[in-house]
């Protein structure tokens, strides 16, 4: 299941480097969704698959708008939030999932989700990191939280974009 999740994430990362038209023409959203569906079918308890599916839903709405995302792919913010909740139920102490939630919702609408974003960042900061990646995540979450606390939304948006792997 993990390989399917990794491929879906790779398609999303590559898509960030391309125009929206190119991404659509190459069918990346459809391919990524198929990979995530395969991962979940193989292992419905894979928290990262559910987290990636959540990100897929919300990213499509963010990039294409709610109507287009729904009409073309059946994607919605509501589905994304439901999928994040499934991921959290499966791995309640996983700080990497909370960090991804904070990034995804910050990119989508930091103002509308500010309370939830702050809660996710605090869970990362108060959580126990397991391994180098989660220690890295905790440091990045601290930087995000501190910048958000200062109210510098432009700097915060730049950090979110950096952490999501967007080109400069």
C-alpha atoms as a PDB file:
ATOM      1  CA  UNK A   1       0.000   0.000   0.000  1.00  0.00           C
ATOM      2  CA  UNK A   2       2.808   2.408   0.843  1.00  0.00           C
ATOM      3  CA  UNK A   3       4.221   2.328  -2.687  1.00  0.00           C
ATOM      4  CA  UNK A   4       0.857   3.488  -4.052  1.00  0.00           C
ATOM      5  CA  UNK A   5       0.778   6.342  -1.528  1.00  0.00           C
ATOM      6  CA  UNK A   6       4.332   7.342  -2.450  1.00  0.00           C
ATOM      7  CA  UNK A   7       3.477   7.354  -6.155  1.00  0.00           C
ATOM      8  CA  UNK A   8       0.383   9.500  -5.569  1.00  0.00           C
ATOM      9  CA  UNK A   9       2.454  11.960  -3.527  1.00  0.00           C
ATOM     10  CA  UNK A  10       5.158  12.022  -6.212  1.00  0.00           C
ATOM     11  CA  UNK A  11       2.554  12.873  -8.857  1.00  0.00           C
ATOM     12  CA  UNK A  12       1.321  15.717  -6.661  1.00  0.00           C
ATOM     13  CA  UNK A  13       4.837  17.011  -6.073  1.00  0.00           C
ATOM     14  CA  UNK A  14       5.659  16.919  -9.776  1.00  0.00           C
ATOM     15  CA  UNK A  15       2.351  18.621 -10.472  1.00  0.00           C
ATOM     16  CA  UNK A  16       3.416  21.573  -8.353  1.00  0.00           C
ATOM     17  CA  UNK A  17       6.202  22.221 -10.865  1.00  0.00           C
ATOM     18  CA  UNK A  18       3.862  22.221 -13.873  1.00  0.00           C
ATOM     19  CA  UNK A  19       1.019  24.367 -15.082  1.00  0.00           C
ATOM     20  CA  UNK A  20      -2.492  23.359 -14.086  1.00  0.00           C
ATOM     21  CA  UNK A  21      -3.311  22.677 -17.748  1.00  0.00           C
ATOM     22  CA  UNK A  22      -0.329  20.329 -18.099  1.00  0.00           C
ATOM     23  CA  UNK A  23      -1.259  18.500 -14.900  1.00  0.00           C
ATOM     24  CA  UNK A  24      -4.815  18.008 -16.133  1.00  0.00           C
ATOM     25  CA  UNK A  25      -3.708  16.981 -19.622  1.00  0.00           C
ATOM     26  CA  UNK A  26      -1.363  14.359 -18.164  1.00  0.00           C
ATOM     27  CA  UNK A  27      -4.145  13.046 -15.937  1.00  0.00           C
ATOM     28  CA  UNK A  28      -2.217  13.390 -12.686  1.00  0.00           C
ATOM     29  CA  UNK A  29      -5.277  13.900 -10.469  1.00  0.00           C
ATOM     30  CA  UNK A  30      -6.942  10.769 -11.853  1.00  0.00           C
ATOM     31  CA  UNK A  31      -3.736   8.746 -11.583  1.00  0.00           C
ATOM     32  CA  UNK A  32      -3.081   9.915  -8.021  1.00  0.00           C
ATOM     33  CA  UNK A  33      -6.639   9.098  -6.966  1.00  0.00           C
ATOM     34  CA  UNK A  34      -6.376   5.616  -8.483  1.00  0.00           C
ATOM     35  CA  UNK A  35      -3.153   5.001  -6.560  1.00  0.00           C
ATOM     36  CA  UNK A  36      -4.721   6.169  -3.297  1.00  0.00           C
ATOM     37  CA  UNK A  37      -7.817   4.049  -3.874  1.00  0.00           C
ATOM     38  CA  UNK A  38      -5.550   1.050  -4.490  1.00  0.00           C
ATOM     39  CA  UNK A  39      -3.592   1.763  -1.313  1.00  0.00           C
ATOM     40  CA  UNK A  40      -6.754   2.006   0.781  1.00  0.00           C
ATOM     41  CA  UNK A  41      -8.194  -1.155  -0.792  1.00  0.00           C
ATOM     42  CA  UNK A  42      -4.977  -2.991   0.099  1.00  0.00           C
ATOM     43  CA  UNK A  43      -4.789  -1.572   3.623  1.00  0.00           C
ATOM     44  CA  UNK A  44      -7.777   0.369   4.893  1.00  0.00           C
ATOM     45  CA  UNK A  45      -5.899   1.055   8.147  1.00  0.00           C
ATOM     46  CA  UNK A  46      -3.105   2.955   6.395  1.00  0.00           C
ATOM     47  CA  UNK A  47      -3.273   6.370   8.030  1.00  0.00           C
ATOM     48  CA  UNK A  48      -0.917   7.895   5.478  1.00  0.00           C
ATOM     49  CA  UNK A  49      -3.155   6.752   2.615  1.00  0.00           C
ATOM     50  CA  UNK A  50      -6.127   8.474   4.241  1.00  0.00           C
ATOM     51  CA  UNK A  51      -4.025  11.587   4.906  1.00  0.00           C
ATOM     52  CA  UNK A  52      -2.856  11.671   1.306  1.00  0.00           C
ATOM     53  CA  UNK A  53      -6.436  11.245   0.069  1.00  0.00           C
ATOM     54  CA  UNK A  54      -7.435  14.139   2.312  1.00  0.00           C
ATOM     55  CA  UNK A  55      -4.712  16.272   0.777  1.00  0.00           C
ATOM     56  CA  UNK A  56      -5.755  15.194  -2.724  1.00  0.00           C
ATOM     57  CA  UNK A  57      -9.334  16.380  -2.114  1.00  0.00           C
ATOM     58  CA  UNK A  58      -8.403  19.713  -0.587  1.00  0.00           C
ATOM     59  CA  UNK A  59      -5.594  20.449  -3.053  1.00  0.00           C
ATOM     60  CA  UNK A  60      -7.941  19.923  -6.006  1.00  0.00           C
ATOM     61  CA  UNK A  61     -10.493  22.312  -4.518  1.00  0.00           C
ATOM     62  CA  UNK A  62      -7.738  24.813  -3.722  1.00  0.00           C
ATOM     63  CA  UNK A  63      -6.243  24.718  -7.225  1.00  0.00           C
ATOM     64  CA  UNK A  64      -9.378  24.259  -9.328  1.00  0.00           C
ATOM     65  CA  UNK A  65     -12.224  25.616  -7.241  1.00  0.00           C
ATOM     66  CA  UNK A  66     -14.996  23.685  -5.537  1.00  0.00           C
ATOM     67  CA  UNK A  67     -17.234  23.290  -8.592  1.00  0.00           C
ATOM     68  CA  UNK A  68     -14.563  22.064 -10.961  1.00  0.00           C
ATOM     69  CA  UNK A  69     -12.987  19.731  -8.385  1.00  0.00           C
ATOM     70  CA  UNK A  70     -16.360  18.231  -7.606  1.00  0.00           C
ATOM     71  CA  UNK A  71     -17.550  17.960 -11.207  1.00  0.00           C
ATOM     72  CA  UNK A  72     -14.358  16.436 -12.617  1.00  0.00           C
ATOM     73  CA  UNK A  73     -13.094  14.368  -9.699  1.00  0.00           C
ATOM     74  CA  UNK A  74     -15.714  14.219  -6.956  1.00  0.00           C
ATOM     75  CA  UNK A  75     -13.297  16.075  -4.677  1.00  0.00           C
ATOM     76  CA  UNK A  76     -14.434  18.326  -1.840  1.00  0.00           C
ATOM     77  CA  UNK A  77     -13.125  19.976   1.290  1.00  0.00           C
ATOM     78  CA  UNK A  78     -15.717  18.061   3.323  1.00  0.00           C
ATOM     79  CA  UNK A  79     -14.374  14.751   1.994  1.00  0.00           C
ATOM     80  CA  UNK A  80     -10.832  15.895   2.704  1.00  0.00           C
ATOM     81  CA  UNK A  81     -11.680  16.757   6.298  1.00  0.00           C
ATOM     82  CA  UNK A  82     -13.423  13.396   6.736  1.00  0.00           C
ATOM     83  CA  UNK A  83     -10.353  11.622   5.351  1.00  0.00           C
ATOM     84  CA  UNK A  84      -8.034  13.559   7.670  1.00  0.00           C
ATOM     85  CA  UNK A  85     -10.227  12.526  10.597  1.00  0.00           C
ATOM     86  CA  UNK A  86      -9.910   8.876   9.510  1.00  0.00           C
ATOM     87  CA  UNK A  87      -6.142   9.257   9.388  1.00  0.00           C
ATOM     88  CA  UNK A  88      -6.070  10.827  12.856  1.00  0.00           C
ATOM     89  CA  UNK A  89      -8.254   8.058  14.282  1.00  0.00           C
ATOM     90  CA  UNK A  90      -5.857   5.455  12.890  1.00  0.00           C
ATOM     91  CA  UNK A  91      -2.704   7.242  14.076  1.00  0.00           C
ATOM     92  CA  UNK A  92      -3.698   9.741  16.779  1.00  0.00           C
ATOM     93  CA  UNK A  93      -0.135  10.424  17.933  1.00  0.00           C
ATOM     94  CA  UNK A  94       1.467  10.728  14.505  1.00  0.00           C
ATOM     95  CA  UNK A  95       2.876  14.215  14.308  1.00  0.00           C
ATOM     96  CA  UNK A  96       3.696  14.009  10.590  1.00  0.00           C
ATOM     97  CA  UNK A  97      -0.018  13.670   9.771  1.00  0.00           C
ATOM     98  CA  UNK A  98      -0.891  16.685  11.942  1.00  0.00           C
ATOM     99  CA  UNK A  99       1.849  18.676  10.250  1.00  0.00           C
ATOM    100  CA  UNK A 100       0.503  17.768   6.803  1.00  0.00           C
ATOM    101  CA  UNK A 101      -2.972  18.773   7.956  1.00  0.00           C
ATOM    102  CA  UNK A 102      -1.651  22.163   9.105  1.00  0.00           C
ATOM    103  CA  UNK A 103       0.115  22.702   5.777  1.00  0.00           C
ATOM    104  CA  UNK A 104      -2.843  21.610   3.671  1.00  0.00           C
ATOM    105  CA  UNK A 105      -5.404  23.698   5.517  1.00  0.00           C
ATOM    106  CA  UNK A 106      -3.059  26.693   5.713  1.00  0.00           C
ATOM    107  CA  UNK A 107      -2.602  26.650   1.947  1.00  0.00           C
ATOM    108  CA  UNK A 108      -6.345  26.257   1.439  1.00  0.00           C
ATOM    109  CA  UNK A 109      -7.630  28.945   3.849  1.00  0.00           C
ATOM    110  CA  UNK A 110      -5.555  29.918   6.861  1.00  0.00           C
ATOM    111  CA  UNK A 111      -8.196  32.332   8.140  1.00  0.00           C
ATOM    112  CA  UNK A 112     -11.149  29.955   8.027  1.00  0.00           C
ATOM    113  CA  UNK A 113      -9.190  27.123   9.647  1.00  0.00           C
ATOM    114  CA  UNK A 114      -6.889  29.088  11.960  1.00  0.00           C
ATOM    115  CA  UNK A 115      -8.113  27.432  15.172  1.00  0.00           C
ATOM    116  CA  UNK A 116      -7.753  23.926  13.715  1.00  0.00           C
ATOM    117  CA  UNK A 117      -4.372  24.779  12.201  1.00  0.00           C
ATOM    118  CA  UNK A 118      -3.074  26.083  15.513  1.00  0.00           C
ATOM    119  CA  UNK A 119      -4.380  22.962  17.269  1.00  0.00           C
ATOM    120  CA  UNK A 120      -2.576  20.741  14.756  1.00  0.00           C
ATOM    121  CA  UNK A 121       0.665  22.678  15.145  1.00  0.00           C
ATOM    122  CA  UNK A 122       0.428  22.455  18.934  1.00  0.00           C
ATOM    123  CA  UNK A 123      -0.136  18.685  18.711  1.00  0.00           C
ATOM    124  CA  UNK A 124       3.031  18.443  16.634  1.00  0.00           C
ATOM    125  CA  UNK A 125       4.992  20.540  19.114  1.00  0.00           C
ATOM    126  CA  UNK A 126       3.680  18.614  22.120  1.00  0.00           C
ATOM    127  CA  UNK A 127       3.942  15.212  20.457  1.00  0.00           C
ATOM    128  CA  UNK A 128       6.772  12.748  20.667  1.00  0.00           C
ATOM    129  CA  UNK A 129       8.812  12.591  17.466  1.00  0.00           C
ATOM    130  CA  UNK A 130       9.779   9.137  16.244  1.00  0.00           C
ATOM    131  CA  UNK A 131      12.805   9.437  14.017  1.00  0.00           C
ATOM    132  CA  UNK A 132      14.640  12.120  12.114  1.00  0.00           C
ATOM    133  CA  UNK A 133      11.750  13.108   9.853  1.00  0.00           C
ATOM    134  CA  UNK A 134       9.400  13.791  12.760  1.00  0.00           C
ATOM    135  CA  UNK A 135      12.106  15.812  14.539  1.00  0.00           C
ATOM    136  CA  UNK A 136      12.447  17.843  11.340  1.00  0.00           C
ATOM    137  CA  UNK A 137       8.667  18.218  11.181  1.00  0.00           C
ATOM    138  CA  UNK A 138       8.560  19.451  14.764  1.00  0.00           C
ATOM    139  CA  UNK A 139      11.162  22.140  13.996  1.00  0.00           C
ATOM    140  CA  UNK A 140       9.243  23.260  10.925  1.00  0.00           C
ATOM    141  CA  UNK A 141       5.981  23.295  12.894  1.00  0.00           C
ATOM    142  CA  UNK A 142       7.582  25.504  15.527  1.00  0.00           C
ATOM    143  CA  UNK A 143       8.671  27.947  12.837  1.00  0.00           C
ATOM    144  CA  UNK A 144       5.168  27.947  11.358  1.00  0.00           C
ATOM    145  CA  UNK A 145       3.488  28.408  14.722  1.00  0.00           C
ATOM    146  CA  UNK A 146       5.826  31.261  15.724  1.00  0.00           C
ATOM    147  CA  UNK A 147       5.286  33.058  12.428  1.00  0.00           C
ATOM    148  CA  UNK A 148       1.520  32.596  12.610  1.00  0.00           C
ATOM    149  CA  UNK A 149       1.532  33.879  16.198  1.00  0.00           C
ATOM    150  CA  UNK A 150       3.260  37.079  15.024  1.00  0.00           C
ATOM    151  CA  UNK A 151       0.422  37.608  12.548  1.00  0.00           C
ATOM    152  CA  UNK A 152       2.735  37.906   9.539  1.00  0.00           C
ATOM    153  CA  UNK A 153       0.504  36.061   7.081  1.00  0.00           C
ATOM    154  CA  UNK A 154       2.739  36.784   4.074  1.00  0.00           C
ATOM    155  CA  UNK A 155       5.750  35.203   5.787  1.00  0.00           C
ATOM    156  CA  UNK A 156       3.538  32.356   6.998  1.00  0.00           C
ATOM    157  CA  UNK A 157       2.226  31.707   3.483  1.00  0.00           C
ATOM    158  CA  UNK A 158       5.813  31.650   2.173  1.00  0.00           C
ATOM    159  CA  UNK A 159       6.769  29.052   4.805  1.00  0.00           C
ATOM    160  CA  UNK A 160       3.732  26.922   3.990  1.00  0.00           C
ATOM    161  CA  UNK A 161       4.589  27.085   0.296  1.00  0.00           C
ATOM    162  CA  UNK A 162       8.192  26.121   1.023  1.00  0.00           C
ATOM    163  CA  UNK A 163       7.149  23.235   3.241  1.00  0.00           C
ATOM    164  CA  UNK A 164       4.732  21.969   0.609  1.00  0.00           C
ATOM    165  CA  UNK A 165       7.602  21.830  -1.865  1.00  0.00           C
ATOM    166  CA  UNK A 166       6.408  24.573  -4.176  1.00  0.00           C
ATOM    167  CA  UNK A 167       9.023  26.174  -6.424  1.00  0.00           C
ATOM    168  CA  UNK A 168      10.190  29.662  -5.464  1.00  0.00           C
END
